[in-house]
C-alpha cells in the first residue's frame, strides 16, 4: 500500500501475475481517499484492474517455468477476457519497461 505523491501518482510493488484460464494477466487495484480507510475497510473510491501487455506476458510466462500460464496465454486475448472483454478491449494495457532479470515497471493512468 502506498500513498500518492503530489501529482497523484501511486507506486507499489507486486509480483507478475500468472495467466489463468480465460483471464488476461492483470493486477487488481483499489483506491481509497485516505490510508486509514484502506486499513480499516473504509469506502473504496475506485476498483480497477491493470492489464499487462502481451509482449511482456509472453516473455515472463516463457521464463517462469509455468507451462500452464504459457498455454492459457495462447488461448486468451484482451477482447476474449471474461472481464476486459466487456469493453471490447478498447482500454489499452499498461506500458512497461524493464526485463525479467531486473524487474518490470508498469505505468497506466487510471481516472478516479
PDB file of N, CA and C in Angstrom:
ATOM      1  N   UNK A   1       0.846  -1.168   0.000  1.00  0.00           N
ATOM      2  CA  UNK A   1       0.000   0.000   0.000  1.00  0.00           C
ATOM      3  C   UNK A   1       0.894   1.234   0.000  1.00  0.00           C
ATOM      4  N   UNK A   2       0.551   2.190  -0.823  1.00  0.00           N
ATOM      5  CA  UNK A   2       1.316   3.424  -0.921  1.00  0.00           C
ATOM      6  C   UNK A   2       0.365   4.615  -1.017  1.00  0.00           C
ATOM      7  N   UNK A   3       0.772   5.718  -0.447  1.00  0.00           N
ATOM      8  CA  UNK A   3       0.054   6.967  -0.656  1.00  0.00           C
ATOM      9  C   UNK A   3       0.552   7.571  -1.966  1.00  0.00           C
ATOM     10  N   UNK A   4      -0.187   8.503  -2.500  1.00  0.00           N
ATOM     11  CA  UNK A   4       0.238   9.129  -3.753  1.00  0.00           C
ATOM     12  C   UNK A   4       1.206  10.268  -3.481  1.00  0.00           C
ATOM     13  N   UNK A   5       1.949  10.639  -4.511  1.00  0.00           N
ATOM     14  CA  UNK A   5       2.812  11.811  -4.404  1.00  0.00           C
ATOM     15  C   UNK A   5       1.988  13.061  -4.719  1.00  0.00           C
ATOM     16  N   UNK A   6       2.650  14.212  -4.808  1.00  0.00           N
ATOM     17  CA  UNK A   6       1.964  15.485  -5.012  1.00  0.00           C
ATOM     18  C   UNK A   6       1.167  15.524  -6.316  1.00  0.00           C
ATOM     19  N   UNK A   7       1.599  14.767  -7.319  1.00  0.00           N
ATOM     20  CA  UNK A   7       0.906  14.777  -8.611  1.00  0.00           C
ATOM     21  C   UNK A   7      -0.198  13.730  -8.695  1.00  0.00           C
ATOM     22  N   UNK A   8      -0.381  12.958  -7.620  1.00  0.00           N
ATOM     23  CA  UNK A   8      -1.416  11.929  -7.623  1.00  0.00           C
ATOM     24  C   UNK A   8      -0.938  10.580  -8.123  1.00  0.00           C
ATOM     25  N   UNK A   9       0.373  10.427  -8.300  1.00  0.00           N
ATOM     26  CA  UNK A   9       0.930   9.166  -8.786  1.00  0.00           C
ATOM     27  C   UNK A   9       1.158   8.213  -7.626  1.00  0.00           C
ATOM     28  N   UNK A  10       0.635   7.012  -7.765  1.00  0.00           N
ATOM     29  CA  UNK A  10       0.844   5.975  -6.755  1.00  0.00           C
ATOM     30  C   UNK A  10       1.838   4.964  -7.290  1.00  0.00           C
ATOM     31  N   UNK A  11       2.669   4.455  -6.421  1.00  0.00           N
ATOM     32  CA  UNK A  11       3.600   3.400  -6.801  1.00  0.00           C
ATOM     33  C   UNK A  11       3.447   2.255  -5.807  1.00  0.00           C
ATOM     34  N   UNK A  12       3.635   1.044  -6.296  1.00  0.00           N
ATOM     35  CA  UNK A  12       3.582  -0.124  -5.418  1.00  0.00           C
ATOM     36  C   UNK A  12       4.363  -1.250  -6.071  1.00  0.00           C
ATOM     37  N   UNK A  13       4.696  -2.263  -5.288  1.00  0.00           N
ATOM     38  CA  UNK A  13       5.433  -3.414  -5.765  1.00  0.00           C
ATOM     39  C   UNK A  13       4.505  -4.614  -5.750  1.00  0.00           C
ATOM     40  N   UNK A  14       4.577  -5.419  -6.797  1.00  0.00           N
ATOM     41  CA  UNK A  14       3.729  -6.599  -6.920  1.00  0.00           C
ATOM     42  C   UNK A  14       4.527  -7.705  -7.613  1.00  0.00           C
ATOM     43  N   UNK A  15       4.020  -8.903  -7.552  1.00  0.00           N
ATOM     44  CA  UNK A  15       4.586  -9.986  -8.352  1.00  0.00           C
ATOM     45  C   UNK A  15       3.947  -9.932  -9.735  1.00  0.00           C
ATOM     46  N   UNK A  16       4.576 -10.556 -10.721  1.00  0.00           N
ATOM     47  CA  UNK A  16       3.976 -10.637 -12.046  1.00  0.00           C
ATOM     48  C   UNK A  16       2.943 -11.753 -11.986  1.00  0.00           C
ATOM     49  N   UNK A  17       1.703 -11.463 -12.358  1.00  0.00           N
ATOM     50  CA  UNK A  17       0.647 -12.467 -12.200  1.00  0.00           C
ATOM     51  C   UNK A  17       0.713 -13.580 -13.234  1.00  0.00           C
ATOM     52  N   UNK A  18       0.257 -14.740 -12.839  1.00  0.00           N
ATOM     53  CA  UNK A  18       0.136 -15.864 -13.770  1.00  0.00           C
ATOM     54  C   UNK A  18      -1.029 -15.591 -14.718  1.00  0.00           C
ATOM     55  N   UNK A  19      -1.092 -16.345 -15.782  1.00  0.00           N
ATOM     56  CA  UNK A  19      -2.210 -16.258 -16.724  1.00  0.00           C
ATOM     57  C   UNK A  19      -3.144 -17.414 -16.406  1.00  0.00           C
ATOM     58  N   UNK A  20      -4.304 -17.091 -15.852  1.00  0.00           N
ATOM     59  CA  UNK A  20      -5.289 -18.118 -15.527  1.00  0.00           C
ATOM     60  C   UNK A  20      -6.186 -18.379 -16.737  1.00  0.00           C
ATOM     61  N   UNK A  21      -6.817 -19.496 -16.758  1.00  0.00           N
ATOM     62  CA  UNK A  21      -7.709 -19.862 -17.856  1.00  0.00           C
ATOM     63  C   UNK A  21      -8.811 -18.807 -18.012  1.00  0.00           C
ATOM     64  N   UNK A  22      -8.924 -18.241 -19.218  1.00  0.00           N
ATOM     65  CA  UNK A  22      -9.968 -17.266 -19.508  1.00  0.00           C
ATOM     66  C   UNK A  22      -9.694 -15.853 -19.035  1.00  0.00           C
ATOM     67  N   UNK A  23      -8.578 -15.633 -18.357  1.00  0.00           N
ATOM     68  CA  UNK A  23      -8.260 -14.303 -17.828  1.00  0.00           C
ATOM     69  C   UNK A  23      -6.908 -13.844 -18.329  1.00  0.00           C
ATOM     70  N   UNK A  24      -6.869 -12.599 -18.772  1.00  0.00           N
ATOM     71  CA  UNK A  24      -5.642 -11.953 -19.202  1.00  0.00           C
ATOM     72  C   UNK A  24      -4.811 -11.626 -17.964  1.00  0.00           C
ATOM     73  N   UNK A  25      -3.470 -11.715 -17.999  1.00  0.00           N
ATOM     74  CA  UNK A  25      -2.656 -11.333 -16.832  1.00  0.00           C
ATOM     75  C   UNK A  25      -2.946  -9.879 -16.424  1.00  0.00           C
ATOM     76  N   UNK A  26      -3.225  -9.693 -15.146  1.00  0.00           N
ATOM     77  CA  UNK A  26      -3.638  -8.377 -14.659  1.00  0.00           C
ATOM     78  C   UNK A  26      -3.324  -8.238 -13.173  1.00  0.00           C
ATOM     79  N   UNK A  27      -3.361  -6.992 -12.722  1.00  0.00           N
ATOM     80  CA  UNK A  27      -3.141  -6.668 -11.306  1.00  0.00           C
ATOM     81  C   UNK A  27      -4.354  -5.891 -10.819  1.00  0.00           C
ATOM     82  N   UNK A  28      -4.919  -6.304  -9.693  1.00  0.00           N
ATOM     83  CA  UNK A  28      -6.066  -5.606  -9.104  1.00  0.00           C
ATOM     84  C   UNK A  28      -5.590  -4.374  -8.332  1.00  0.00           C
ATOM     85  N   UNK A  29      -6.374  -3.297  -8.421  1.00  0.00           N
ATOM     86  CA  UNK A  29      -6.034  -2.046  -7.740  1.00  0.00           C
ATOM     87  C   UNK A  29      -7.282  -1.498  -7.063  1.00  0.00           C
ATOM     88  N   UNK A  30      -7.140  -1.062  -5.827  1.00  0.00           N
ATOM     89  CA  UNK A  30      -8.216  -0.351  -5.128  1.00  0.00           C
ATOM     90  C   UNK A  30      -7.666   0.994  -4.684  1.00  0.00           C
ATOM     91  N   UNK A  31      -8.463   2.047  -4.861  1.00  0.00           N
ATOM     92  CA  UNK A  31      -8.065   3.394  -4.473  1.00  0.00           C
ATOM     93  C   UNK A  31      -8.960   3.850  -3.319  1.00  0.00           C
ATOM     94  N   UNK A  32      -8.326   4.385  -2.286  1.00  0.00           N
ATOM     95  CA  UNK A  32      -9.032   4.920  -1.121  1.00  0.00           C
ATOM     96  C   UNK A  32      -8.692   6.394  -0.991  1.00  0.00           C
ATOM     97  N   UNK A  33      -9.544   7.165  -0.356  1.00  0.00           N
ATOM     98  CA  UNK A  33      -9.268   8.594  -0.211  1.00  0.00           C
ATOM     99  C   UNK A  33      -8.228   8.875   0.865  1.00  0.00           C
ATOM    100  N   UNK A  34      -8.046   7.940   1.793  1.00  0.00           N
ATOM    101  CA  UNK A  34      -7.015   8.130   2.822  1.00  0.00           C
ATOM    102  C   UNK A  34      -6.545   6.769   3.320  1.00  0.00           C
ATOM    103  N   UNK A  35      -5.347   6.716   3.834  1.00  0.00           N
ATOM    104  CA  UNK A  35      -4.735   5.472   4.277  1.00  0.00           C
ATOM    105  C   UNK A  35      -5.586   4.795   5.342  1.00  0.00           C
ATOM    106  N   UNK A  36      -6.156   5.558   6.257  1.00  0.00           N
ATOM    107  CA  UNK A  36      -6.951   4.942   7.321  1.00  0.00           C
ATOM    108  C   UNK A  36      -8.162   4.198   6.759  1.00  0.00           C
ATOM    109  N   UNK A  37      -8.724   4.654   5.637  1.00  0.00           N
ATOM    110  CA  UNK A  37      -9.822   3.910   5.005  1.00  0.00           C
ATOM    111  C   UNK A  37      -9.327   2.575   4.466  1.00  0.00           C
ATOM    112  N   UNK A  38      -8.140   2.579   3.903  1.00  0.00           N
ATOM    113  CA  UNK A  38      -7.579   1.353   3.333  1.00  0.00           C
ATOM    114  C   UNK A  38      -7.265   0.319   4.406  1.00  0.00           C
ATOM    115  N   UNK A  39      -6.898   0.758   5.585  1.00  0.00           N
ATOM    116  CA  UNK A  39      -6.519  -0.168   6.650  1.00  0.00           C
ATOM    117  C   UNK A  39      -7.678  -0.530   7.566  1.00  0.00           C
ATOM    118  N   UNK A  40      -8.850   0.072   7.336  1.00  0.00           N
ATOM    119  CA  UNK A  40      -9.988  -0.218   8.214  1.00  0.00           C
ATOM    120  C   UNK A  40     -11.256  -0.580   7.439  1.00  0.00           C
ATOM    121  N   UNK A  41     -11.086  -1.089   6.232  1.00  0.00           N
ATOM    122  CA  UNK A  41     -12.233  -1.465   5.390  1.00  0.00           C
ATOM    123  C   UNK A  41     -13.157  -0.289   5.113  1.00  0.00           C
ATOM    124  N   UNK A  42     -12.560   0.889   4.953  1.00  0.00           N
ATOM    125  CA  UNK A  42     -13.342   2.082   4.625  1.00  0.00           C
ATOM    126  C   UNK A  42     -13.826   2.047   3.190  1.00  0.00           C
ATOM    127  N   UNK A  43     -14.527   3.099   2.775  1.00  0.00           N
ATOM    128  CA  UNK A  43     -15.091   3.106   1.423  1.00  0.00           C
ATOM    129  C   UNK A  43     -14.012   3.157   0.333  1.00  0.00           C
ATOM    130  N   UNK A  44     -14.229   2.368  -0.703  1.00  0.00           N
ATOM    131  CA  UNK A  44     -13.328   2.331  -1.851  1.00  0.00           C
ATOM    132  C   UNK A  44     -13.772   3.394  -2.847  1.00  0.00           C
ATOM    133  N   UNK A  45     -12.829   4.225  -3.281  1.00  0.00           N
ATOM    134  CA  UNK A  45     -13.116   5.269  -4.261  1.00  0.00           C
ATOM    135  C   UNK A  45     -13.141   4.682  -5.671  1.00  0.00           C
ATOM    136  N   UNK A  46     -12.237   3.752  -5.966  1.00  0.00           N
ATOM    137  CA  UNK A  46     -12.129   3.173  -7.310  1.00  0.00           C
ATOM    138  C   UNK A  46     -11.558   1.770  -7.199  1.00  0.00           C
ATOM    139  N   UNK A  47     -12.144   0.843  -7.937  1.00  0.00           N
ATOM    140  CA  UNK A  47     -11.613  -0.505  -8.090  1.00  0.00           C
ATOM    141  C   UNK A  47     -11.318  -0.695  -9.561  1.00  0.00           C
ATOM    142  N   UNK A  48     -10.148  -1.216  -9.880  1.00  0.00           N
ATOM    143  CA  UNK A  48      -9.795  -1.403 -11.274  1.00  0.00           C
ATOM    144  C   UNK A  48      -8.837  -2.580 -11.402  1.00  0.00           C
ATOM    145  N   UNK A  49      -8.535  -2.928 -12.642  1.00  0.00           N
ATOM    146  CA  UNK A  49      -7.557  -3.949 -12.947  1.00  0.00           C
ATOM    147  C   UNK A  49      -6.612  -3.391 -14.002  1.00  0.00           C
ATOM    148  N   UNK A  50      -5.338  -3.672 -13.844  1.00  0.00           N
ATOM    149  CA  UNK A  50      -4.335  -3.219 -14.802  1.00  0.00           C
ATOM    150  C   UNK A  50      -3.963  -4.403 -15.687  1.00  0.00           C
ATOM    151  N   UNK A  51      -4.315  -4.318 -16.970  1.00  0.00           N
ATOM    152  CA  UNK A  51      -3.934  -5.352 -17.935  1.00  0.00           C
ATOM    153  C   UNK A  51      -2.487  -5.137 -18.346  1.00  0.00           C
ATOM    154  N   UNK A  52      -1.764  -6.211 -18.507  1.00  0.00           N
ATOM    155  CA  UNK A  52      -0.360  -6.136 -18.880  1.00  0.00           C
ATOM    156  C   UNK A  52      -0.202  -6.463 -20.366  1.00  0.00           C
ATOM    157  N   UNK A  53       0.770  -5.849 -21.049  1.00  0.00           N
ATOM    158  CA  UNK A  53       0.911  -6.044 -22.496  1.00  0.00           C
ATOM    159  C   UNK A  53       1.326  -7.467 -22.868  1.00  0.00           C
ATOM    160  N   UNK A  54       0.788  -7.930 -23.991  1.00  0.00           N
ATOM    161  CA  UNK A  54       1.040  -9.298 -24.456  1.00  0.00           C
ATOM    162  C   UNK A  54       2.538  -9.595 -24.580  1.00  0.00           C
ATOM    163  N   UNK A  55       3.301  -8.682 -25.163  1.00  0.00           N
ATOM    164  CA  UNK A  55       4.727  -8.965 -25.395  1.00  0.00           C
ATOM    165  C   UNK A  55       5.456  -9.253 -24.087  1.00  0.00           C
ATOM    166  N   UNK A  56       5.152  -8.496 -23.048  1.00  0.00           N
ATOM    167  CA  UNK A  56       5.784  -8.731 -21.746  1.00  0.00           C
ATOM    168  C   UNK A  56       5.284 -10.026 -21.137  1.00  0.00           C
ATOM    169  N   UNK A  57       3.984 -10.280 -21.246  1.00  0.00           N
ATOM    170  CA  UNK A  57       3.421 -11.515 -20.697  1.00  0.00           C
ATOM    171  C   UNK A  57       4.055 -12.739 -21.341  1.00  0.00           C
ATOM    172  N   UNK A  58       4.257 -12.702 -22.648  1.00  0.00           N
ATOM    173  CA  UNK A  58       4.875 -13.830 -23.350  1.00  0.00           C
ATOM    174  C   UNK A  58       6.287 -14.097 -22.843  1.00  0.00           C
ATOM    175  N   UNK A  59       7.059 -13.029 -22.632  1.00  0.00           N
ATOM    176  CA  UNK A  59       8.433 -13.191 -22.145  1.00  0.00           C
ATOM    177  C   UNK A  59       8.434 -13.763 -20.728  1.00  0.00           C
ATOM    178  N   UNK A  60       7.617 -13.191 -19.859  1.00  0.00           N
ATOM    179  CA  UNK A  60       7.601 -13.639 -18.461  1.00  0.00           C
ATOM    180  C   UNK A  60       7.080 -15.062 -18.348  1.00  0.00           C
ATOM    181  N   UNK A  61       6.005 -15.368 -19.032  1.00  0.00           N
ATOM    182  CA  UNK A  61       5.450 -16.730 -18.971  1.00  0.00           C
ATOM    183  C   UNK A  61       6.451 -17.761 -19.475  1.00  0.00           C
ATOM    184  N   UNK A  62       7.191 -17.433 -20.510  1.00  0.00           N
ATOM    185  CA  UNK A  62       8.163 -18.368 -21.082  1.00  0.00           C
ATOM    186  C   UNK A  62       9.355 -18.608 -20.159  1.00  0.00           C
ATOM    187  N   UNK A  63       9.672 -17.661 -19.294  1.00  0.00           N
ATOM    188  CA  UNK A  63      10.836 -17.817 -18.420  1.00  0.00           C
ATOM    189  C   UNK A  63      10.462 -18.247 -17.010  1.00  0.00           C
ATOM    190  N   UNK A  64       9.191 -18.268 -16.703  1.00  0.00           N
ATOM    191  CA  UNK A  64       8.786 -18.548 -15.325  1.00  0.00           C
ATOM    192  C   UNK A  64       8.766 -20.028 -14.984  1.00  0.00           C
ATOM    193  N   UNK A  65       8.760 -20.897 -16.009  1.00  0.00           N
ATOM    194  CA  UNK A  65       8.619 -22.316 -15.733  1.00  0.00           C
ATOM    195  C   UNK A  65       7.174 -22.702 -15.479  1.00  0.00           C
ATOM    196  N   UNK A  66       6.255 -21.769 -15.731  1.00  0.00           N
ATOM    197  CA  UNK A  66       4.831 -22.008 -15.520  1.00  0.00           C
ATOM    198  C   UNK A  66       4.189 -22.356 -16.859  1.00  0.00           C
ATOM    199  N   UNK A  67       4.293 -23.620 -17.238  1.00  0.00           N
ATOM    200  CA  UNK A  67       3.783 -24.060 -18.536  1.00  0.00           C
ATOM    201  C   UNK A  67       2.287 -23.823 -18.669  1.00  0.00           C
ATOM    202  N   UNK A  68       1.551 -23.889 -17.576  1.00  0.00           N
ATOM    203  CA  UNK A  68       0.106 -23.668 -17.639  1.00  0.00           C
ATOM    204  C   UNK A  68      -0.195 -22.226 -18.067  1.00  0.00           C
ATOM    205  N   UNK A  69       0.585 -21.259 -17.582  1.00  0.00           N
ATOM    206  CA  UNK A  69       0.396 -19.869 -17.996  1.00  0.00           C
ATOM    207  C   UNK A  69       0.675 -19.689 -19.480  1.00  0.00           C
ATOM    208  N   UNK A  70       1.692 -20.371 -19.998  1.00  0.00           N
ATOM    209  CA  UNK A  70       2.014 -20.279 -21.422  1.00  0.00           C
ATOM    210  C   UNK A  70       0.828 -20.766 -22.243  1.00  0.00           C
ATOM    211  N   UNK A  71       0.270 -21.903 -21.881  1.00  0.00           N
ATOM    212  CA  UNK A  71      -0.891 -22.439 -22.585  1.00  0.00           C
ATOM    213  C   UNK A  71      -2.111 -21.548 -22.462  1.00  0.00           C
ATOM    214  N   UNK A  72      -2.355 -21.036 -21.260  1.00  0.00           N
ATOM    215  CA  UNK A  72      -3.515 -20.158 -21.055  1.00  0.00           C
ATOM    216  C   UNK A  72      -3.383 -18.877 -21.865  1.00  0.00           C
ATOM    217  N   UNK A  73      -2.184 -18.289 -21.903  1.00  0.00           N
ATOM    218  CA  UNK A  73      -1.967 -17.042 -22.641  1.00  0.00           C
ATOM    219  C   UNK A  73      -2.220 -17.244 -24.130  1.00  0.00           C
ATOM    220  N   UNK A  74      -1.883 -18.405 -24.653  1.00  0.00           N
ATOM    221  CA  UNK A  74      -2.081 -18.658 -26.080  1.00  0.00           C
ATOM    222  C   UNK A  74      -3.558 -18.791 -26.439  1.00  0.00           C
ATOM    223  N   UNK A  75      -4.417 -18.932 -25.430  1.00  0.00           N
ATOM    224  CA  UNK A  75      -5.842 -19.145 -25.676  1.00  0.00           C
ATOM    225  C   UNK A  75      -6.718 -17.954 -25.297  1.00  0.00           C
ATOM    226  N   UNK A  76      -6.123 -16.849 -24.878  1.00  0.00           N
ATOM    227  CA  UNK A  76      -6.930 -15.702 -24.435  1.00  0.00           C
ATOM    228  C   UNK A  76      -6.408 -14.426 -25.081  1.00  0.00           C
ATOM    229  N   UNK A  77      -7.263 -13.442 -25.192  1.00  0.00           N
ATOM    230  CA  UNK A  77      -6.881 -12.102 -25.652  1.00  0.00           C
ATOM    231  C   UNK A  77      -7.629 -11.112 -24.775  1.00  0.00           C
ATOM    232  N   UNK A  78      -7.252  -9.849 -24.848  1.00  0.00           N
ATOM    233  CA  UNK A  78      -7.995  -8.839 -24.084  1.00  0.00           C
ATOM    234  C   UNK A  78      -9.461  -8.824 -24.509  1.00  0.00           C
ATOM    235  N   UNK A  79      -9.726  -9.001 -25.793  1.00  0.00           N
ATOM    236  CA  UNK A  79     -11.092  -8.960 -26.288  1.00  0.00           C
ATOM    237  C   UNK A  79     -11.910 -10.166 -25.814  1.00  0.00           C
ATOM    238  N   UNK A  80     -11.253 -11.306 -25.571  1.00  0.00           N
ATOM    239  CA  UNK A  80     -11.969 -12.514 -25.127  1.00  0.00           C
ATOM    240  C   UNK A  80     -11.902 -12.714 -23.615  1.00  0.00           C
ATOM    241  N   UNK A  81     -11.163 -11.872 -22.907  1.00  0.00           N
ATOM    242  CA  UNK A  81     -11.054 -11.976 -21.452  1.00  0.00           C
ATOM    243  C   UNK A  81     -12.445 -11.822 -20.839  1.00  0.00           C
ATOM    244  N   UNK A  82     -12.721 -12.574 -19.772  1.00  0.00           N
ATOM    245  CA  UNK A  82     -14.056 -12.555 -19.167  1.00  0.00           C
ATOM    246  C   UNK A  82     -14.408 -11.231 -18.494  1.00  0.00           C
ATOM    247  N   UNK A  83     -13.438 -10.370 -18.231  1.00  0.00           N
ATOM    248  CA  UNK A  83     -13.707  -9.043 -17.663  1.00  0.00           C
ATOM    249  C   UNK A  83     -13.338  -7.946 -18.655  1.00  0.00           C
ATOM    250  N   UNK A  84     -12.099  -7.924 -19.141  1.00  0.00           N
ATOM    251  CA  UNK A  84     -11.677  -6.884 -20.079  1.00  0.00           C
ATOM    252  C   UNK A  84     -12.480  -6.932 -21.372  1.00  0.00           C
ATOM    253  N   UNK A  85     -12.983  -8.106 -21.735  1.00  0.00           N
ATOM    254  CA  UNK A  85     -13.765  -8.247 -22.954  1.00  0.00           C
ATOM    255  C   UNK A  85     -15.055  -7.454 -22.934  1.00  0.00           C
ATOM    256  N   UNK A  86     -15.537  -7.072 -21.737  1.00  0.00           N
ATOM    257  CA  UNK A  86     -16.765  -6.285 -21.628  1.00  0.00           C
ATOM    258  C   UNK A  86     -16.648  -4.931 -22.302  1.00  0.00           C
ATOM    259  N   UNK A  87     -15.425  -4.394 -22.404  1.00  0.00           N
ATOM    260  CA  UNK A  87     -15.251  -3.105 -23.098  1.00  0.00           C
ATOM    261  C   UNK A  87     -14.678  -3.321 -24.495  1.00  0.00           C
ATOM    262  N   UNK A  88     -14.791  -4.580 -24.993  1.00  0.00           N
ATOM    263  CA  UNK A  88     -14.317  -4.959 -26.326  1.00  0.00           C
ATOM    264  C   UNK A  88     -12.829  -4.676 -26.506  1.00  0.00           C
ATOM    265  N   UNK A  89     -12.079  -4.665 -25.392  1.00  0.00           N
ATOM    266  CA  UNK A  89     -10.629  -4.476 -25.467  1.00  0.00           C
ATOM    267  C   UNK A  89     -10.206  -3.067 -25.832  1.00  0.00           C
ATOM    268  N   UNK A  90     -11.106  -2.071 -25.655  1.00  0.00           N
ATOM    269  CA  UNK A  90     -10.762  -0.713 -26.074  1.00  0.00           C
ATOM    270  C   UNK A  90      -9.780  -0.039 -25.124  1.00  0.00           C
ATOM    271  N   UNK A  91      -9.749  -0.486 -23.888  1.00  0.00           N
ATOM    272  CA  UNK A  91      -8.824   0.121 -22.934  1.00  0.00           C
ATOM    273  C   UNK A  91      -7.477  -0.565 -23.073  1.00  0.00           C
ATOM    274  N   UNK A  92      -6.466   0.204 -23.309  1.00  0.00           N
ATOM    275  CA  UNK A  92      -5.142  -0.348 -23.566  1.00  0.00           C
ATOM    276  C   UNK A  92      -4.495  -0.851 -22.291  1.00  0.00           C
ATOM    277  N   UNK A  93      -3.611  -1.820 -22.443  1.00  0.00           N
ATOM    278  CA  UNK A  93      -2.880  -2.295 -21.269  1.00  0.00           C
ATOM    279  C   UNK A  93      -1.835  -1.264 -20.831  1.00  0.00           C
ATOM    280  N   UNK A  94      -1.261  -1.504 -19.679  1.00  0.00           N
ATOM    281  CA  UNK A  94      -0.201  -0.643 -19.162  1.00  0.00           C
ATOM    282  C   UNK A  94       0.989  -0.648 -20.119  1.00  0.00           C
ATOM    283  N   UNK A  95       1.767   0.413 -20.088  1.00  0.00           N
ATOM    284  CA  UNK A  95       3.047   0.408 -20.795  1.00  0.00           C
ATOM    285  C   UNK A  95       4.083  -0.136 -19.811  1.00  0.00           C
ATOM    286  N   UNK A  96       5.054  -0.863 -20.346  1.00  0.00           N
ATOM    287  CA  UNK A  96       6.013  -1.487 -19.455  1.00  0.00           C
ATOM    288  C   UNK A  96       7.431  -1.289 -19.943  1.00  0.00           C
ATOM    289  N   UNK A  97       8.334  -1.257 -18.973  1.00  0.00           N
ATOM    290  CA  UNK A  97       9.761  -1.218 -19.256  1.00  0.00           C
ATOM    291  C   UNK A  97      10.435  -2.165 -18.273  1.00  0.00           C
ATOM    292  N   UNK A  98      11.630  -2.581 -18.602  1.00  0.00           N
ATOM    293  CA  UNK A  98      12.381  -3.456 -17.716  1.00  0.00           C
ATOM    294  C   UNK A  98      12.668  -4.792 -18.354  1.00  0.00           C
ATOM    295  N   UNK A  99      12.993  -5.770 -17.517  1.00  0.00           N
ATOM    296  CA  UNK A  99      13.345  -7.101 -18.011  1.00  0.00           C
ATOM    297  C   UNK A  99      13.050  -8.130 -16.932  1.00  0.00           C
ATOM    298  N   UNK A 100      13.120  -9.401 -17.326  1.00  0.00           N
ATOM    299  CA  UNK A 100      12.899 -10.453 -16.334  1.00  0.00           C
ATOM    300  C   UNK A 100      14.006 -10.485 -15.284  1.00  0.00           C
ATOM    301  N   UNK A 101      15.200 -10.039 -15.647  1.00  0.00           N
ATOM    302  CA  UNK A 101      16.296 -10.075 -14.671  1.00  0.00           C
ATOM    303  C   UNK A 101      16.295  -8.880 -13.727  1.00  0.00           C
ATOM    304  N   UNK A 102      15.877  -7.712 -14.218  1.00  0.00           N
ATOM    305  CA  UNK A 102      15.892  -6.521 -13.364  1.00  0.00           C
ATOM    306  C   UNK A 102      14.532  -6.152 -12.814  1.00  0.00           C
ATOM    307  N   UNK A 103      13.495  -6.791 -13.311  1.00  0.00           N
ATOM    308  CA  UNK A 103      12.131  -6.458 -12.900  1.00  0.00           C
ATOM    309  C   UNK A 103      11.498  -5.497 -13.893  1.00  0.00           C
ATOM    310  N   UNK A 104      10.193  -5.377 -13.817  1.00  0.00           N
ATOM    311  CA  UNK A 104       9.443  -4.527 -14.729  1.00  0.00           C
ATOM    312  C   UNK A 104       8.785  -3.374 -13.998  1.00  0.00           C
ATOM    313  N   UNK A 105       8.575  -2.294 -14.730  1.00  0.00           N
ATOM    314  CA  UNK A 105       7.785  -1.162 -14.255  1.00  0.00           C
ATOM    315  C   UNK A 105       6.614  -1.003 -15.219  1.00  0.00           C
ATOM    316  N   UNK A 106       5.417  -0.992 -14.670  1.00  0.00           N
ATOM    317  CA  UNK A 106       4.207  -0.795 -15.473  1.00  0.00           C
ATOM    318  C   UNK A 106       3.672   0.593 -15.171  1.00  0.00           C
ATOM    319  N   UNK A 107       3.152   1.268 -16.192  1.00  0.00           N
ATOM    320  CA  UNK A 107       2.570   2.599 -15.996  1.00  0.00           C
ATOM    321  C   UNK A 107       1.216   2.647 -16.694  1.00  0.00           C
ATOM    322  N   UNK A 108       0.224   3.197 -15.996  1.00  0.00           N
ATOM    323  CA  UNK A 108      -1.102   3.337 -16.559  1.00  0.00           C
ATOM    324  C   UNK A 108      -1.832   4.454 -15.825  1.00  0.00           C
ATOM    325  N   UNK A 109      -2.462   5.331 -16.564  1.00  0.00           N
ATOM    326  CA  UNK A 109      -3.269   6.375 -15.950  1.00  0.00           C
ATOM    327  C   UNK A 109      -4.677   5.828 -15.746  1.00  0.00           C
ATOM    328  N   UNK A 110      -5.147   5.905 -14.523  1.00  0.00           N
ATOM    329  CA  UNK A 110      -6.490   5.445 -14.164  1.00  0.00           C
ATOM    330  C   UNK A 110      -7.263   6.626 -13.633  1.00  0.00           C
ATOM    331  N   UNK A 111      -8.339   6.977 -14.271  1.00  0.00           N
ATOM    332  CA  UNK A 111      -9.172   8.081 -13.780  1.00  0.00           C
ATOM    333  C   UNK A 111      -9.872   7.717 -12.493  1.00  0.00           C
ATOM    334  N   UNK A 112      -9.906   8.654 -11.573  1.00  0.00           N
ATOM    335  CA  UNK A 112     -10.576   8.419 -10.286  1.00  0.00           C
ATOM    336  C   UNK A 112     -11.715   9.414 -10.166  1.00  0.00           C
TER     337      UNK A 112
END
